[in-house]
Amino acid sequence: MTGPRMQFVWRFLLLVATCFAVTMALLPHPPGVVEVGDKYQHMLAFGTLTILYALAFPTTPLPRIGERLSFLGALVEVFQSIPALHRDCDVMDWVADTFIIVAVLVVIALARHLRPSRRAVAP
């Protein structure tokens, strides 16, 4: 699932999902795509972005993925503080983003660690 063609697909999906998440975060009155609390919407968006990022860039160190996505979450909150957007900046949204990013990265790290090696030992 990590060949050149699949990597292109994962990168395209990451780009589309990132554009969608940032657009929804910056719209003055976003439509209710999923009717759950604001923190859960943040966690759903950044959990999805984390999975897509890890699939799109499988050789990127996981802490770097976490750093970049957490920075994106912080940037979203900074932009939401612009009065013309009629959005509320809430540092706890960034905390929720970072929490789910770290949680997903831990699961990915465990899955990579537990995955059988591709180098099979010949009998």
PDB file of N, CA and C in Angstrom:
ATOM      1  N   MET A   1       0.808  -1.203   0.000  1.00  0.00           N
ATOM      2  CA  MET A   1       0.000   0.000   0.000  1.00  0.00           C
ATOM      3  C   MET A   1       0.851   1.267   0.000  1.00  0.00           C
ATOM      4  N   THR A   2       2.140   1.146  -0.227  1.00  0.00           N
ATOM      5  CA  THR A   2       2.985   2.323  -0.194  1.00  0.00           C
ATOM      6  C   THR A   2       3.745   2.517  -1.498  1.00  0.00           C
ATOM      7  N   GLY A   3       3.271   1.922  -2.574  1.00  0.00           N
ATOM      8  CA  GLY A   3       3.927   2.106  -3.868  1.00  0.00           C
ATOM      9  C   GLY A   3       3.754   3.537  -4.350  1.00  0.00           C
ATOM     10  N   PRO A   4       4.449   3.898  -5.423  1.00  0.00           N
ATOM     11  CA  PRO A   4       4.383   5.273  -5.928  1.00  0.00           C
ATOM     12  C   PRO A   4       2.962   5.733  -6.265  1.00  0.00           C
ATOM     13  N   ARG A   5       2.176   4.836  -6.844  1.00  0.00           N
ATOM     14  CA  ARG A   5       0.802   5.209  -7.204  1.00  0.00           C
ATOM     15  C   ARG A   5      -0.040   5.442  -5.961  1.00  0.00           C
ATOM     16  N   MET A   6       0.083   4.565  -4.971  1.00  0.00           N
ATOM     17  CA  MET A   6      -0.692   4.743  -3.735  1.00  0.00           C
ATOM     18  C   MET A   6      -0.216   5.966  -2.961  1.00  0.00           C
ATOM     19  N   GLN A   7       1.076   6.229  -2.997  1.00  0.00           N
ATOM     20  CA  GLN A   7       1.594   7.406  -2.317  1.00  0.00           C
ATOM     21  C   GLN A   7       0.997   8.673  -2.936  1.00  0.00           C
ATOM     22  N   PHE A   8       0.852   8.687  -4.252  1.00  0.00           N
ATOM     23  CA  PHE A   8       0.218   9.826  -4.921  1.00  0.00           C
ATOM     24  C   PHE A   8      -1.230   9.962  -4.460  1.00  0.00           C
ATOM     25  N   VAL A   9      -1.942   8.849  -4.380  1.00  0.00           N
ATOM     26  CA  VAL A   9      -3.342   8.874  -3.947  1.00  0.00           C
ATOM     27  C   VAL A   9      -3.445   9.404  -2.515  1.00  0.00           C
ATOM     28  N   TRP A  10      -2.585   8.894  -1.610  1.00  0.00           N
ATOM     29  CA  TRP A  10      -2.626   9.354  -0.213  1.00  0.00           C
ATOM     30  C   TRP A  10      -2.299  10.840  -0.123  1.00  0.00           C
ATOM     31  N   ARG A  11      -1.337  11.304  -0.905  1.00  0.00           N
ATOM     32  CA  ARG A  11      -0.965  12.722  -0.882  1.00  0.00           C
ATOM     33  C   ARG A  11      -2.090  13.597  -1.421  1.00  0.00           C
ATOM     34  N   PHE A  12      -2.751  13.118  -2.459  1.00  0.00           N
ATOM     35  CA  PHE A  12      -3.892  13.862  -2.996  1.00  0.00           C
ATOM     36  C   PHE A  12      -5.013  13.938  -1.955  1.00  0.00           C
ATOM     37  N   LEU A  13      -5.308  12.809  -1.318  1.00  0.00           N
ATOM     38  CA  LEU A  13      -6.349  12.801  -0.288  1.00  0.00           C
ATOM     39  C   LEU A  13      -5.967  13.696   0.892  1.00  0.00           C
ATOM     40  N   LEU A  14      -4.694  13.711   1.258  1.00  0.00           N
ATOM     41  CA  LEU A  14      -4.231  14.595   2.326  1.00  0.00           C
ATOM     42  C   LEU A  14      -4.445  16.054   1.943  1.00  0.00           C
ATOM     43  N   LEU A  15      -4.116  16.412   0.719  1.00  0.00           N
ATOM     44  CA  LEU A  15      -4.306  17.784   0.252  1.00  0.00           C
ATOM     45  C   LEU A  15      -5.782  18.179   0.291  1.00  0.00           C
ATOM     46  N   VAL A  16      -6.644  17.304  -0.216  1.00  0.00           N
ATOM     47  CA  VAL A  16      -8.081  17.589  -0.234  1.00  0.00           C
ATOM     48  C   VAL A  16      -8.618  17.708   1.197  1.00  0.00           C
ATOM     49  N   ALA A  17      -8.234  16.790   2.066  1.00  0.00           N
ATOM     50  CA  ALA A  17      -8.721  16.816   3.452  1.00  0.00           C
ATOM     51  C   ALA A  17      -8.214  18.048   4.193  1.00  0.00           C
ATOM     52  N   THR A  18      -6.968  18.435   3.951  1.00  0.00           N
ATOM     53  CA  THR A  18      -6.423  19.625   4.604  1.00  0.00           C
ATOM     54  C   THR A  18      -7.157  20.873   4.134  1.00  0.00           C
ATOM     55  N   CYS A  19      -7.368  20.994   2.842  1.00  0.00           N
ATOM     56  CA  CYS A  19      -8.106  22.144   2.310  1.00  0.00           C
ATOM     57  C   CYS A  19      -9.524  22.194   2.873  1.00  0.00           C
ATOM     58  N   PHE A  20     -10.171  21.045   2.945  1.00  0.00           N
ATOM     59  CA  PHE A  20     -11.532  20.980   3.488  1.00  0.00           C
ATOM     60  C   PHE A  20     -11.551  21.389   4.961  1.00  0.00           C
ATOM     61  N   ALA A  21     -10.629  20.846   5.749  1.00  0.00           N
ATOM     62  CA  ALA A  21     -10.610  21.144   7.181  1.00  0.00           C
ATOM     63  C   ALA A  21     -10.325  22.615   7.450  1.00  0.00           C
ATOM     64  N   VAL A  22      -9.355  23.182   6.739  1.00  0.00           N
ATOM     65  CA  VAL A  22      -9.014  24.593   6.949  1.00  0.00           C
ATOM     66  C   VAL A  22     -10.154  25.493   6.474  1.00  0.00           C
ATOM     67  N   THR A  23     -10.751  25.154   5.347  1.00  0.00           N
ATOM     68  CA  THR A  23     -11.879  25.942   4.850  1.00  0.00           C
ATOM     69  C   THR A  23     -13.033  25.932   5.845  1.00  0.00           C
ATOM     70  N   MET A  24     -13.382  24.758   6.337  1.00  0.00           N
ATOM     71  CA  MET A  24     -14.481  24.664   7.305  1.00  0.00           C
ATOM     72  C   MET A  24     -14.152  25.420   8.593  1.00  0.00           C
ATOM     73  N   ALA A  25     -12.882  25.406   8.983  1.00  0.00           N
ATOM     74  CA  ALA A  25     -12.477  26.088  10.212  1.00  0.00           C
ATOM     75  C   ALA A  25     -12.516  27.602  10.065  1.00  0.00           C
ATOM     76  N   LEU A  26     -12.382  28.100   8.844  1.00  0.00           N
ATOM     77  CA  LEU A  26     -12.313  29.543   8.650  1.00  0.00           C
ATOM     78  C   LEU A  26     -13.584  30.160   8.082  1.00  0.00           C
ATOM     79  N   LEU A  27     -14.548  29.337   7.694  1.00  0.00           N
ATOM     80  CA  LEU A  27     -15.830  29.887   7.230  1.00  0.00           C
ATOM     81  C   LEU A  27     -16.535  30.573   8.393  1.00  0.00           C
ATOM     82  N   PRO A  28     -17.135  31.740   8.145  1.00  0.00           N
ATOM     83  CA  PRO A  28     -17.848  32.425   9.233  1.00  0.00           C
ATOM     84  C   PRO A  28     -18.997  31.595   9.816  1.00  0.00           C
ATOM     85  N   HIS A  29     -19.726  30.906   8.963  1.00  0.00           N
ATOM     86  CA  HIS A  29     -20.837  30.064   9.421  1.00  0.00           C
ATOM     87  C   HIS A  29     -20.778  28.731   8.683  1.00  0.00           C
ATOM     88  N   PRO A  30     -19.886  27.825   9.124  1.00  0.00           N
ATOM     89  CA  PRO A  30     -19.763  26.560   8.398  1.00  0.00           C
ATOM     90  C   PRO A  30     -21.021  25.710   8.551  1.00  0.00           C
ATOM     91  N   PRO A  31     -21.362  24.983   7.498  1.00  0.00           N
ATOM     92  CA  PRO A  31     -22.522  24.086   7.611  1.00  0.00           C
ATOM     93  C   PRO A  31     -22.205  22.962   8.584  1.00  0.00           C
ATOM     94  N   GLY A  32     -23.222  22.475   9.253  1.00  0.00           N
ATOM     95  CA  GLY A  32     -23.033  21.364  10.196  1.00  0.00           C
ATOM     96  C   GLY A  32     -22.852  20.065   9.453  1.00  0.00           C
ATOM     97  N   VAL A  33     -21.609  19.705   9.147  1.00  0.00           N
ATOM     98  CA  VAL A  33     -21.337  18.469   8.417  1.00  0.00           C
ATOM     99  C   VAL A  33     -21.601  17.277   9.319  1.00  0.00           C
ATOM    100  N   VAL A  34     -21.055  17.332  10.516  1.00  0.00           N
ATOM    101  CA  VAL A  34     -21.258  16.274  11.507  1.00  0.00           C
ATOM    102  C   VAL A  34     -21.784  16.959  12.760  1.00  0.00           C
ATOM    103  N   GLU A  35     -22.934  16.548  13.216  1.00  0.00           N
ATOM    104  CA  GLU A  35     -23.551  17.194  14.374  1.00  0.00           C
ATOM    105  C   GLU A  35     -23.029  16.601  15.679  1.00  0.00           C
ATOM    106  N   VAL A  36     -21.830  17.033  16.048  1.00  0.00           N
ATOM    107  CA  VAL A  36     -21.233  16.679  17.330  1.00  0.00           C
ATOM    108  C   VAL A  36     -20.605  17.952  17.879  1.00  0.00           C
ATOM    109  N   GLY A  37     -20.061  17.891  19.052  1.00  0.00           N
ATOM    110  CA  GLY A  37     -19.445  19.061  19.652  1.00  0.00           C
ATOM    111  C   GLY A  37     -18.238  19.557  18.871  1.00  0.00           C
ATOM    112  N   ASP A  38     -17.898  20.827  19.116  1.00  0.00           N
ATOM    113  CA  ASP A  38     -16.785  21.474  18.424  1.00  0.00           C
ATOM    114  C   ASP A  38     -15.475  20.727  18.635  1.00  0.00           C
ATOM    115  N   LYS A  39     -15.200  20.301  19.852  1.00  0.00           N
ATOM    116  CA  LYS A  39     -13.937  19.594  20.133  1.00  0.00           C
ATOM    117  C   LYS A  39     -13.882  18.273  19.366  1.00  0.00           C
ATOM    118  N   TYR A  40     -15.004  17.595  19.258  1.00  0.00           N
ATOM    119  CA  TYR A  40     -15.030  16.331  18.520  1.00  0.00           C
ATOM    120  C   TYR A  40     -14.810  16.559  17.024  1.00  0.00           C
ATOM    121  N   GLN A  41     -15.323  17.680  16.498  1.00  0.00           N
ATOM    122  CA  GLN A  41     -15.074  17.994  15.090  1.00  0.00           C
ATOM    123  C   GLN A  41     -13.587  18.241  14.870  1.00  0.00           C
ATOM    124  N   HIS A  42     -12.950  18.972  15.793  1.00  0.00           N
ATOM    125  CA  HIS A  42     -11.514  19.191  15.695  1.00  0.00           C
ATOM    126  C   HIS A  42     -10.761  17.863  15.741  1.00  0.00           C
ATOM    127  N   MET A  43     -11.148  17.012  16.674  1.00  0.00           N
ATOM    128  CA  MET A  43     -10.451  15.737  16.834  1.00  0.00           C
ATOM    129  C   MET A  43     -10.665  14.833  15.623  1.00  0.00           C
ATOM    130  N   LEU A  44     -11.854  14.834  15.061  1.00  0.00           N
ATOM    131  CA  LEU A  44     -12.129  14.041  13.860  1.00  0.00           C
ATOM    132  C   LEU A  44     -11.274  14.544  12.687  1.00  0.00           C
ATOM    133  N   ALA A  45     -11.223  15.855  12.518  1.00  0.00           N
ATOM    134  CA  ALA A  45     -10.451  16.423  11.413  1.00  0.00           C
ATOM    135  C   ALA A  45      -8.963  16.122  11.568  1.00  0.00           C
ATOM    136  N   PHE A  46      -8.405  16.385  12.749  1.00  0.00           N
ATOM    137  CA  PHE A  46      -6.965  16.208  12.909  1.00  0.00           C
ATOM    138  C   PHE A  46      -6.570  14.739  13.057  1.00  0.00           C
ATOM    139  N   GLY A  47      -7.444  13.898  13.530  1.00  0.00           N
ATOM    140  CA  GLY A  47      -7.167  12.463  13.528  1.00  0.00           C
ATOM    141  C   GLY A  47      -7.078  11.936  12.106  1.00  0.00           C
ATOM    142  N   THR A  48      -8.012  12.380  11.264  1.00  0.00           N
ATOM    143  CA  THR A  48      -8.001  11.983   9.857  1.00  0.00           C
ATOM    144  C   THR A  48      -6.751  12.502   9.151  1.00  0.00           C
ATOM    145  N   LEU A  49      -6.410  13.773   9.396  1.00  0.00           N
ATOM    146  CA  LEU A  49      -5.217  14.349   8.773  1.00  0.00           C
ATOM    147  C   LEU A  49      -3.954  13.605   9.200  1.00  0.00           C
ATOM    148  N   THR A  50      -3.902  13.190  10.451  1.00  0.00           N
ATOM    149  CA  THR A  50      -2.724  12.466  10.948  1.00  0.00           C
ATOM    150  C   THR A  50      -2.565  11.132  10.237  1.00  0.00           C
ATOM    151  N   ILE A  51      -3.651  10.399  10.088  1.00  0.00           N
ATOM    152  CA  ILE A  51      -3.600   9.110   9.394  1.00  0.00           C
ATOM    153  C   ILE A  51      -3.179   9.313   7.937  1.00  0.00           C
ATOM    154  N   LEU A  52      -3.788  10.289   7.274  1.00  0.00           N
ATOM    155  CA  LEU A  52      -3.454  10.537   5.873  1.00  0.00           C
ATOM    156  C   LEU A  52      -2.006  10.985   5.707  1.00  0.00           C
ATOM    157  N   TYR A  53      -1.532  11.819   6.633  1.00  0.00           N
ATOM    158  CA  TYR A  53      -0.144  12.295   6.556  1.00  0.00           C
ATOM    159  C   TYR A  53       0.819  11.122   6.701  1.00  0.00           C
ATOM    160  N   ALA A  54       0.551  10.236   7.655  1.00  0.00           N
ATOM    161  CA  ALA A  54       1.433   9.081   7.870  1.00  0.00           C
ATOM    162  C   ALA A  54       1.419   8.141   6.661  1.00  0.00           C
ATOM    163  N   LEU A  55       0.288   8.019   5.995  1.00  0.00           N
ATOM    164  CA  LEU A  55       0.209   7.178   4.794  1.00  0.00           C
ATOM    165  C   LEU A  55       0.858   7.855   3.590  1.00  0.00           C
ATOM    166  N   ALA A  56       0.697   9.161   3.486  1.00  0.00           N
ATOM    167  CA  ALA A  56       1.229   9.898   2.340  1.00  0.00           C
ATOM    168  C   ALA A  56       2.747  10.047   2.398  1.00  0.00           C
ATOM    169  N   PHE A  57       3.280  10.145   3.601  1.00  0.00           N
ATOM    170  CA  PHE A  57       4.718  10.334   3.790  1.00  0.00           C
ATOM    171  C   PHE A  57       5.234   9.303   4.802  1.00  0.00           C
ATOM    172  N   PRO A  58       5.314   8.033   4.392  1.00  0.00           N
ATOM    173  CA  PRO A  58       5.641   6.964   5.334  1.00  0.00           C
ATOM    174  C   PRO A  58       7.054   7.024   5.904  1.00  0.00           C
ATOM    175  N   THR A  59       7.962   7.744   5.274  1.00  0.00           N
ATOM    176  CA  THR A  59       9.324   7.816   5.795  1.00  0.00           C
ATOM    177  C   THR A  59       9.550   9.031   6.693  1.00  0.00           C
ATOM    178  N   THR A  60       8.572   9.902   6.796  1.00  0.00           N
ATOM    179  CA  THR A  60       8.696  11.074   7.659  1.00  0.00           C
ATOM    180  C   THR A  60       8.627  10.627   9.111  1.00  0.00           C
ATOM    181  N   PRO A  61       9.553  11.082   9.949  1.00  0.00           N
ATOM    182  CA  PRO A  61       9.495  10.720  11.377  1.00  0.00           C
ATOM    183  C   PRO A  61       8.167  11.170  12.001  1.00  0.00           C
ATOM    184  N   LEU A  62       7.589  10.305  12.800  1.00  0.00           N
ATOM    185  CA  LEU A  62       6.285  10.607  13.394  1.00  0.00           C
ATOM    186  C   LEU A  62       6.276  11.885  14.231  1.00  0.00           C
ATOM    187  N   PRO A  63       7.334  12.173  15.010  1.00  0.00           N
ATOM    188  CA  PRO A  63       7.312  13.447  15.751  1.00  0.00           C
ATOM    189  C   PRO A  63       7.227  14.673  14.834  1.00  0.00           C
ATOM    190  N   ARG A  64       7.835  14.588  13.659  1.00  0.00           N
ATOM    191  CA  ARG A  64       7.748  15.702  12.715  1.00  0.00           C
ATOM    192  C   ARG A  64       6.323  15.860  12.201  1.00  0.00           C
ATOM    193  N   ILE A  65       5.641  14.757  11.957  1.00  0.00           N
ATOM    194  CA  ILE A  65       4.237  14.826  11.540  1.00  0.00           C
ATOM    195  C   ILE A  65       3.425  15.505  12.635  1.00  0.00           C
ATOM    196  N   GLY A  66       3.656  15.095  13.869  1.00  0.00           N
ATOM    197  CA  GLY A  66       2.935  15.697  14.989  1.00  0.00           C
ATOM    198  C   GLY A  66       3.201  17.185  15.107  1.00  0.00           C
ATOM    199  N   GLU A  67       4.454  17.560  14.965  1.00  0.00           N
ATOM    200  CA  GLU A  67       4.839  18.975  15.055  1.00  0.00           C
ATOM    201  C   GLU A  67       4.126  19.803  13.988  1.00  0.00           C
ATOM    202  N   ARG A  68       4.143  19.324  12.766  1.00  0.00           N
ATOM    203  CA  ARG A  68       3.549  20.076  11.657  1.00  0.00           C
ATOM    204  C   ARG A  68       2.032  20.193  11.792  1.00  0.00           C
ATOM    205  N   LEU A  69       1.385  19.095  12.148  1.00  0.00           N
ATOM    206  CA  LEU A  69      -0.065  19.149  12.283  1.00  0.00           C
ATOM    207  C   LEU A  69      -0.492  19.969  13.497  1.00  0.00           C
ATOM    208  N   SER A  70       0.259  19.892  14.579  1.00  0.00           N
ATOM    209  CA  SER A  70      -0.053  20.723  15.746  1.00  0.00           C
ATOM    210  C   SER A  70       0.109  22.203  15.403  1.00  0.00           C
ATOM    211  N   PHE A  71       1.135  22.514  14.616  1.00  0.00           N
ATOM    212  CA  PHE A  71       1.331  23.893  14.169  1.00  0.00           C
ATOM    213  C   PHE A  71       0.162  24.341  13.299  1.00  0.00           C
ATOM    214  N   LEU A  72      -0.338  23.468  12.424  1.00  0.00           N
ATOM    215  CA  LEU A  72      -1.505  23.799  11.611  1.00  0.00           C
ATOM    216  C   LEU A  72      -2.707  24.097  12.499  1.00  0.00           C
ATOM    217  N   GLY A  73      -2.903  23.292  13.536  1.00  0.00           N
ATOM    218  CA  GLY A  73      -4.003  23.537  14.466  1.00  0.00           C
ATOM    219  C   GLY A  73      -3.867  24.882  15.168  1.00  0.00           C
ATOM    220  N   ALA A  74      -2.637  25.233  15.556  1.00  0.00           N
ATOM    221  CA  ALA A  74      -2.401  26.536  16.188  1.00  0.00           C
ATOM    222  C   ALA A  74      -2.666  27.670  15.201  1.00  0.00           C
ATOM    223  N   LEU A  75      -2.230  27.488  13.957  1.00  0.00           N
ATOM    224  CA  LEU A  75      -2.476  28.511  12.936  1.00  0.00           C
ATOM    225  C   LEU A  75      -3.966  28.731  12.702  1.00  0.00           C
ATOM    226  N   VAL A  76      -4.724  27.657  12.684  1.00  0.00           N
ATOM    227  CA  VAL A  76      -6.173  27.773  12.514  1.00  0.00           C
ATOM    228  C   VAL A  76      -6.749  28.632  13.635  1.00  0.00           C
ATOM    229  N   GLU A  77      -6.309  28.383  14.864  1.00  0.00           N
ATOM    230  CA  GLU A  77      -6.819  29.174  15.991  1.00  0.00           C
ATOM    231  C   GLU A  77      -6.408  30.636  15.878  1.00  0.00           C
ATOM    232  N   VAL A  78      -5.191  30.906  15.417  1.00  0.00           N
ATOM    233  CA  VAL A  78      -4.761  32.296  15.229  1.00  0.00           C
ATOM    234  C   VAL A  78      -5.644  32.976  14.183  1.00  0.00           C
ATOM    235  N   PHE A  79      -5.891  32.296  13.065  1.00  0.00           N
ATOM    236  CA  PHE A  79      -6.734  32.893  12.033  1.00  0.00           C
ATOM    237  C   PHE A  79      -8.176  33.060  12.511  1.00  0.00           C
ATOM    238  N   GLN A  80      -8.647  32.149  13.354  1.00  0.00           N
ATOM    239  CA  GLN A  80     -10.005  32.288  13.867  1.00  0.00           C
ATOM    240  C   GLN A  80     -10.146  33.495  14.791  1.00  0.00           C
ATOM    241  N   SER A  81      -9.048  34.046  15.242  1.00  0.00           N
ATOM    242  CA  SER A  81      -9.120  35.234  16.096  1.00  0.00           C
ATOM    243  C   SER A  81      -9.320  36.510  15.285  1.00  0.00           C
ATOM    244  N   ILE A  82      -9.269  36.425  13.961  1.00  0.00           N
ATOM    245  CA  ILE A  82      -9.503  37.596  13.108  1.00  0.00           C
ATOM    246  C   ILE A  82     -10.985  37.966  13.207  1.00  0.00           C
ATOM    247  N   PRO A  83     -11.287  39.190  13.658  1.00  0.00           N
ATOM    248  CA  PRO A  83     -12.690  39.585  13.868  1.00  0.00           C
ATOM    249  C   PRO A  83     -13.573  39.450  12.617  1.00  0.00           C
ATOM    250  N   ALA A  84     -13.034  39.706  11.436  1.00  0.00           N
ATOM    251  CA  ALA A  84     -13.832  39.649  10.214  1.00  0.00           C
ATOM    252  C   ALA A  84     -14.361  38.246   9.915  1.00  0.00           C
ATOM    253  N   LEU A  85     -13.733  37.222  10.475  1.00  0.00           N
ATOM    254  CA  LEU A  85     -14.179  35.842  10.226  1.00  0.00           C
ATOM    255  C   LEU A  85     -15.355  35.438  11.108  1.00  0.00           C
ATOM    256  N   HIS A  86     -15.605  36.211  12.165  1.00  0.00           N
ATOM    257  CA  HIS A  86     -16.703  35.909  13.096  1.00  0.00           C
ATOM    258  C   HIS A  86     -16.579  34.501  13.682  1.00  0.00           C
ATOM    259  N   ARG A  87     -15.343  34.133  14.008  1.00  0.00           N
ATOM    260  CA  ARG A  87     -15.070  32.847  14.647  1.00  0.00           C
ATOM    261  C   ARG A  87     -14.466  33.108  16.012  1.00  0.00           C
ATOM    262  N   ASP A  88     -14.446  32.094  16.843  1.00  0.00           N
ATOM    263  CA  ASP A  88     -13.874  32.222  18.183  1.00  0.00           C
ATOM    264  C   ASP A  88     -12.564  31.452  18.245  1.00  0.00           C
ATOM    265  N   CYS A  89     -11.536  32.108  18.742  1.00  0.00           N
ATOM    266  CA  CYS A  89     -10.244  31.464  18.972  1.00  0.00           C
ATOM    267  C   CYS A  89     -10.304  30.813  20.354  1.00  0.00           C
ATOM    268  N   ASP A  90     -10.023  29.531  20.416  1.00  0.00           N
ATOM    269  CA  ASP A  90     -10.061  28.804  21.680  1.00  0.00           C
ATOM    270  C   ASP A  90      -8.827  27.917  21.761  1.00  0.00           C
ATOM    271  N   VAL A  91      -7.954  28.219  22.706  1.00  0.00           N
ATOM    272  CA  VAL A  91      -6.717  27.443  22.841  1.00  0.00           C
ATOM    273  C   VAL A  91      -7.021  25.971  23.150  1.00  0.00           C
ATOM    274  N   MET A  92      -8.156  25.699  23.749  1.00  0.00           N
ATOM    275  CA  MET A  92      -8.520  24.309  24.048  1.00  0.00           C
ATOM    276  C   MET A  92      -8.814  23.515  22.774  1.00  0.00           C
ATOM    277  N   ASP A  93      -9.207  24.199  21.709  1.00  0.00           N
ATOM    278  CA  ASP A  93      -9.354  23.511  20.421  1.00  0.00           C
ATOM    279  C   ASP A  93      -7.996  23.019  19.942  1.00  0.00           C
ATOM    280  N   TRP A  94      -6.978  23.847  20.097  1.00  0.00           N
ATOM    281  CA  TRP A  94      -5.625  23.447  19.723  1.00  0.00           C
ATOM    282  C   TRP A  94      -5.134  22.290  20.604  1.00  0.00           C
ATOM    283  N   VAL A  95      -5.478  22.345  21.888  1.00  0.00           N
ATOM    284  CA  VAL A  95      -5.106  21.251  22.794  1.00  0.00           C
ATOM    285  C   VAL A  95      -5.776  19.954  22.335  1.00  0.00           C
ATOM    286  N   ALA A  96      -7.053  20.025  21.956  1.00  0.00           N
ATOM    287  CA  ALA A  96      -7.764  18.837  21.467  1.00  0.00           C
ATOM    288  C   ALA A  96      -7.122  18.318  20.185  1.00  0.00           C
ATOM    289  N   ASP A  97      -6.756  19.239  19.281  1.00  0.00           N
ATOM    290  CA  ASP A  97      -6.080  18.845  18.036  1.00  0.00           C
ATOM    291  C   ASP A  97      -4.794  18.088  18.351  1.00  0.00           C
ATOM    292  N   THR A  98      -3.972  18.691  19.218  1.00  0.00           N
ATOM    293  CA  THR A  98      -2.673  18.103  19.542  1.00  0.00           C
ATOM    294  C   THR A  98      -2.836  16.774  20.267  1.00  0.00           C
ATOM    295  N   PHE A  99      -3.824  16.673  21.138  1.00  0.00           N
ATOM    296  CA  PHE A  99      -4.077  15.421  21.858  1.00  0.00           C
ATOM    297  C   PHE A  99      -4.370  14.285  20.886  1.00  0.00           C
ATOM    298  N   ILE A 100      -5.274  14.528  19.942  1.00  0.00           N
ATOM    299  CA  ILE A 100      -5.637  13.444  19.021  1.00  0.00           C
ATOM    300  C   ILE A 100      -4.494  13.135  18.067  1.00  0.00           C
ATOM    301  N   ILE A 101      -3.721  14.144  17.678  1.00  0.00           N
ATOM    302  CA  ILE A 101      -2.557  13.906  16.821  1.00  0.00           C
ATOM    303  C   ILE A 101      -1.588  12.961  17.519  1.00  0.00           C
ATOM    304  N   VAL A 102      -1.283  13.250  18.786  1.00  0.00           N
ATOM    305  CA  VAL A 102      -0.350  12.409  19.539  1.00  0.00           C
ATOM    306  C   VAL A 102      -0.928  11.006  19.725  1.00  0.00           C
ATOM    307  N   ALA A 103      -2.209  10.914  20.053  1.00  0.00           N
ATOM    308  CA  ALA A 103      -2.838   9.606  20.271  1.00  0.00           C
ATOM    309  C   ALA A 103      -2.778   8.756  19.000  1.00  0.00           C
ATOM    310  N   VAL A 104      -3.090   9.342  17.864  1.00  0.00           N
ATOM    311  CA  VAL A 104      -3.057   8.597  16.599  1.00  0.00           C
ATOM    312  C   VAL A 104      -1.626   8.204  16.244  1.00  0.00           C
ATOM    313  N   LEU A 105      -0.676   9.107  16.476  1.00  0.00           N
ATOM    314  CA  LEU A 105       0.722   8.791  16.181  1.00  0.00           C
ATOM    315  C   LEU A 105       1.244   7.655  17.064  1.00  0.00           C
ATOM    316  N   VAL A 106       0.794   7.585  18.310  1.00  0.00           N
ATOM    317  CA  VAL A 106       1.194   6.480  19.190  1.00  0.00           C
ATOM    318  C   VAL A 106       0.656   5.163  18.635  1.00  0.00           C
ATOM    319  N   VAL A 107      -0.596   5.167  18.197  1.00  0.00           N
ATOM    320  CA  VAL A 107      -1.180   3.951  17.610  1.00  0.00           C
ATOM    321  C   VAL A 107      -0.422   3.558  16.347  1.00  0.00           C
ATOM    322  N   ILE A 108      -0.082   4.533  15.508  1.00  0.00           N
ATOM    323  CA  ILE A 108       0.677   4.239  14.278  1.00  0.00           C
ATOM    324  C   ILE A 108       2.047   3.671  14.626  1.00  0.00           C
ATOM    325  N   ALA A 109       2.708   4.271  15.616  1.00  0.00           N
ATOM    326  CA  ALA A 109       4.036   3.779  16.025  1.00  0.00           C
ATOM    327  C   ALA A 109       3.942   2.344  16.530  1.00  0.00           C
ATOM    328  N   LEU A 110       2.920   2.047  17.325  1.00  0.00           N
ATOM    329  CA  LEU A 110       2.739   0.676  17.820  1.00  0.00           C
ATOM    330  C   LEU A 110       2.449  -0.288  16.672  1.00  0.00           C
ATOM    331  N   ALA A 111       1.618   0.146  15.730  1.00  0.00           N
ATOM    332  CA  ALA A 111       1.295  -0.713  14.585  1.00  0.00           C
ATOM    333  C   ALA A 111       2.539  -0.982  13.746  1.00  0.00           C
ATOM    334  N   ARG A 112       3.358   0.037  13.556  1.00  0.00           N
ATOM    335  CA  ARG A 112       4.595  -0.163  12.789  1.00  0.00           C
ATOM    336  C   ARG A 112       5.561  -1.076  13.532  1.00  0.00           C
ATOM    337  N   HIS A 113       5.602  -0.948  14.825  1.00  0.00           N
ATOM    338  CA  HIS A 113       6.504  -1.773  15.632  1.00  0.00           C
ATOM    339  C   HIS A 113       6.059  -3.237  15.647  1.00  0.00           C
ATOM    340  N   LEU A 114       4.756  -3.466  15.690  1.00  0.00           N
ATOM    341  CA  LEU A 114       4.229  -4.824  15.779  1.00  0.00           C
ATOM    342  C   LEU A 114       4.088  -5.498  14.422  1.00  0.00           C
ATOM    343  N   ARG A 115       4.193  -4.720  13.351  1.00  0.00           N
ATOM    344  CA  ARG A 115       4.057  -5.284  12.011  1.00  0.00           C
ATOM    345  C   ARG A 115       5.210  -6.245  11.746  1.00  0.00           C
ATOM    346  N   PRO A 116       4.914  -7.425  11.197  1.00  0.00           N
ATOM    347  CA  PRO A 116       6.000  -8.365  10.892  1.00  0.00           C
ATOM    348  C   PRO A 116       6.954  -7.762   9.871  1.00  0.00           C
ATOM    349  N   SER A 117       8.193  -8.085  10.016  1.00  0.00           N
ATOM    350  CA  SER A 117       9.216  -7.581   9.111  1.00  0.00           C
ATOM    351  C   SER A 117       8.980  -8.111   7.709  1.00  0.00           C
ATOM    352  N   ARG A 118       9.258  -7.277   6.714  1.00  0.00           N
ATOM    353  CA  ARG A 118       9.084  -7.712   5.322  1.00  0.00           C
ATOM    354  C   ARG A 118      10.220  -8.642   4.899  1.00  0.00           C
ATOM    355  N   ARG A 119      11.292  -8.616   5.653  1.00  0.00           N
ATOM    356  CA  ARG A 119      12.424  -9.493   5.338  1.00  0.00           C
ATOM    357  C   ARG A 119      12.199 -10.850   5.996  1.00  0.00           C
ATOM    358  N   ALA A 120      11.622 -11.749   5.247  1.00  0.00           N
ATOM    359  CA  ALA A 120      11.360 -13.075   5.786  1.00  0.00           C
ATOM    360  C   ALA A 120      12.663 -13.877   5.814  1.00  0.00           C
ATOM    361  N   VAL A 121      12.800 -14.621   6.869  1.00  0.00           N
ATOM    362  CA  VAL A 121      13.980 -15.457   7.002  1.00  0.00           C
ATOM    363  C   VAL A 121      13.727 -16.768   6.258  1.00  0.00           C
ATOM    364  N   ALA A 122      14.625 -17.091   5.334  1.00  0.00           N
ATOM    365  CA  ALA A 122      14.478 -18.319   4.552  1.00  0.00           C
ATOM    366  C   ALA A 122      14.879 -19.522   5.403  1.00  0.00           C
ATOM    367  N   PRO A 123      14.122 -20.626   5.294  1.00  0.00           N
ATOM    368  CA  PRO A 123      14.458 -21.825   6.088  1.00  0.00           C
ATOM    369  C   PRO A 123      15.695 -22.517   5.577  1.00  0.00           C
TER     370      PRO A 123
END
